[in-house]
Structures are given as C-alpha cells and as structure tokens.
Amino acid sequence: MSNLVEVNEKNFKSEVLEAEGPVLVDFGAVWCGPCKMLDPLVEEMAEDWGESVKVVKLDIDNNVNVAMSFQVMSVPTLMLFKDGEPVERMTGFKPKNKILEKLNPHL
C-alpha cells in the first residue's frame, strides 16, 4: 500500500485546490494494472521532491464527482495543480523520465 496521502471528495478542495505550492494528483483505481505499475514511480518522485511538491492519490471509483469534474476518463491519470488550477496532465503509464520531462517545467 502507498505512503501517499489519499484524497477524497470531502478533502480534495483543502488538500489540492487550496494547497500552497504544486500538487500532483494520481488518479487511479484498485483494479487498474497500469496504476499498480505507476505507483512505485509516483512514490519515488514524492520522495525525491520531499516538501517541494505535494503528491496525493485519488481512487476514481470512490470519488466519481472529482474524477468527472476534471474529465478523468481513464486511469492512471496524473494531474499537476498549481494555485488550484491543473497545469499539466498525463494519462496512461509512462516511464519516470517522461513524466519528469513534462512536470519539471512547472516546478
């Protein structure tokens, strides 16, 4: 199981939209194979970033309204939020270097 903070419909606003600094949200589901492959990479990035980037997970099956409001149609989807706004989005499994390539310009 992940060491990342699990967000849900009740705390998404406070944990992500109102957070100071960048927040990476890992939208996934327990039944999703590519999500399981991505989990260790996301945890590794969270460790590498330390306090500079908040990294959280959201289960789309338990939080349908949040997933729908950000048009998350497939998982895994990584979304980077800054100042409450999504600034980058990636869907599907990608290697760590490709993820960092897309995220680093925003960090």
Protein backbone atom coordinates (compact mmCIF):
# COMPACT_ATOMS: atom_id res chain seq x y z
CA MET A 1 0.00 0.00 0.00
CA SER A 2 1.06 3.53 -0.74
CA ASN A 3 2.56 6.01 1.72
CA LEU A 4 0.92 8.87 -0.16
CA VAL A 5 -1.98 10.87 1.23
CA GLU A 6 -5.31 9.60 -0.08
CA VAL A 7 -7.65 12.44 -1.04
CA ASN A 8 -11.39 12.18 -1.50
CA GLU A 9 -14.40 14.32 -2.35
CA LYS A 10 -14.51 15.76 1.18
CA ASN A 11 -10.88 16.94 1.37
CA PHE A 12 -9.95 17.47 -2.30
CA LYS A 13 -10.58 21.22 -2.11
CA SER A 14 -8.44 21.75 1.00
CA GLU A 15 -5.70 19.24 0.11
CA VAL A 16 -5.33 20.11 -3.58
CA LEU A 17 -7.16 23.23 -4.74
CA GLU A 18 -6.28 25.37 -1.71
CA ALA A 19 -2.79 23.92 -1.16
CA GLU A 20 0.26 26.15 -1.33
CA GLY A 21 2.74 25.04 -3.95
CA PRO A 22 2.39 22.38 -6.63
CA VAL A 23 0.28 19.26 -6.01
CA LEU A 24 0.50 16.12 -8.13
CA VAL A 25 -2.71 14.08 -8.07
CA ASP A 26 -2.51 10.43 -9.06
CA PHE A 27 -6.00 9.45 -10.25
CA GLY A 28 -6.23 5.66 -10.18
CA ALA A 29 -8.27 2.59 -9.25
CA VAL A 30 -7.51 -0.61 -7.35
CA TRP A 31 -8.37 -2.80 -10.36
CA CYS A 32 -6.06 -0.87 -12.74
CA GLY A 33 -2.90 -2.75 -13.77
CA PRO A 34 -1.04 0.26 -15.21
CA CYS A 35 -1.88 2.18 -12.00
CA LYS A 36 -0.09 -0.51 -9.98
CA MET A 37 2.92 -0.20 -12.30
CA LEU A 38 2.93 3.57 -11.87
CA ASP A 39 2.60 3.54 -8.05
CA PRO A 40 6.30 2.93 -7.26
CA LEU A 41 7.36 5.68 -9.69
CA VAL A 42 4.95 8.18 -8.13
CA GLU A 43 6.18 7.25 -4.65
CA GLU A 44 9.79 7.63 -5.81
CA MET A 45 9.06 11.11 -7.22
CA ALA A 46 7.29 12.10 -4.00
CA GLU A 47 10.37 11.03 -2.05
CA ASP A 48 12.71 12.88 -4.43
CA TRP A 49 10.66 16.08 -4.25
CA GLY A 50 10.24 15.99 -0.47
CA GLU A 51 8.35 19.06 0.74
CA SER A 52 8.60 20.97 -2.57
CA VAL A 53 5.74 19.06 -4.27
CA LYS A 54 2.76 17.52 -2.51
CA VAL A 55 1.80 14.15 -4.03
CA VAL A 56 -1.63 12.61 -3.38
CA LYS A 57 -3.72 9.70 -4.66
CA LEU A 58 -7.39 9.66 -5.55
CA ASP A 59 -9.43 6.49 -6.19
CA ILE A 60 -11.79 7.35 -9.05
CA ASP A 61 -14.29 4.63 -8.12
CA ASN A 62 -14.83 6.11 -4.65
CA ASN A 63 -14.66 9.74 -5.82
CA VAL A 64 -16.57 9.83 -9.09
CA ASN A 65 -17.58 13.50 -8.79
CA VAL A 66 -13.98 14.73 -8.53
CA ALA A 67 -12.88 12.50 -11.41
CA MET A 68 -15.76 13.74 -13.57
CA SER A 69 -15.19 17.39 -12.72
CA PHE A 70 -11.63 17.11 -14.12
CA GLN A 71 -12.74 14.89 -17.04
CA VAL A 72 -10.65 11.93 -15.93
CA MET A 73 -11.94 9.25 -18.30
CA SER A 74 -9.15 6.70 -17.97
CA VAL A 75 -6.57 5.74 -15.42
CA PRO A 76 -3.88 6.22 -14.48
CA THR A 77 -4.06 9.97 -14.94
CA LEU A 78 -1.53 12.28 -13.32
CA MET A 79 -2.53 15.92 -12.95
CA LEU A 80 -0.29 18.66 -11.64
CA PHE A 81 -2.11 21.52 -9.93
CA LYS A 82 -0.63 24.93 -9.18
CA ASP A 83 -2.64 27.57 -7.33
CA GLY A 84 -5.72 25.35 -7.59
CA GLU A 85 -5.53 25.03 -11.38
CA PRO A 86 -4.46 21.99 -13.41
CA VAL A 87 -1.32 22.92 -15.38
CA GLU A 88 -0.25 19.52 -16.72
CA ARG A 89 -1.96 16.20 -17.36
CA MET A 90 -0.77 12.75 -18.45
CA THR A 91 -2.87 9.66 -19.00
CA GLY A 92 -1.56 6.11 -19.09
CA PHE A 93 1.64 4.56 -17.81
CA LYS A 94 4.81 6.45 -18.71
CA PRO A 95 8.41 5.92 -17.57
CA LYS A 96 9.66 8.23 -14.81
CA ASN A 97 11.92 10.26 -17.13
CA LYS A 98 8.97 11.06 -19.46
CA ILE A 99 6.81 12.11 -16.50
CA LEU A 100 9.56 14.38 -15.16
CA GLU A 101 10.12 15.85 -18.64
CA LYS A 102 6.54 17.09 -18.67
CA LEU A 103 6.32 18.13 -14.99
CA ASN A 104 9.70 19.79 -14.37
CA PRO A 105 8.97 22.98 -16.37
CA HIS A 106 6.09 23.67 -13.93
CA LEU A 107 8.09 23.01 -10.76
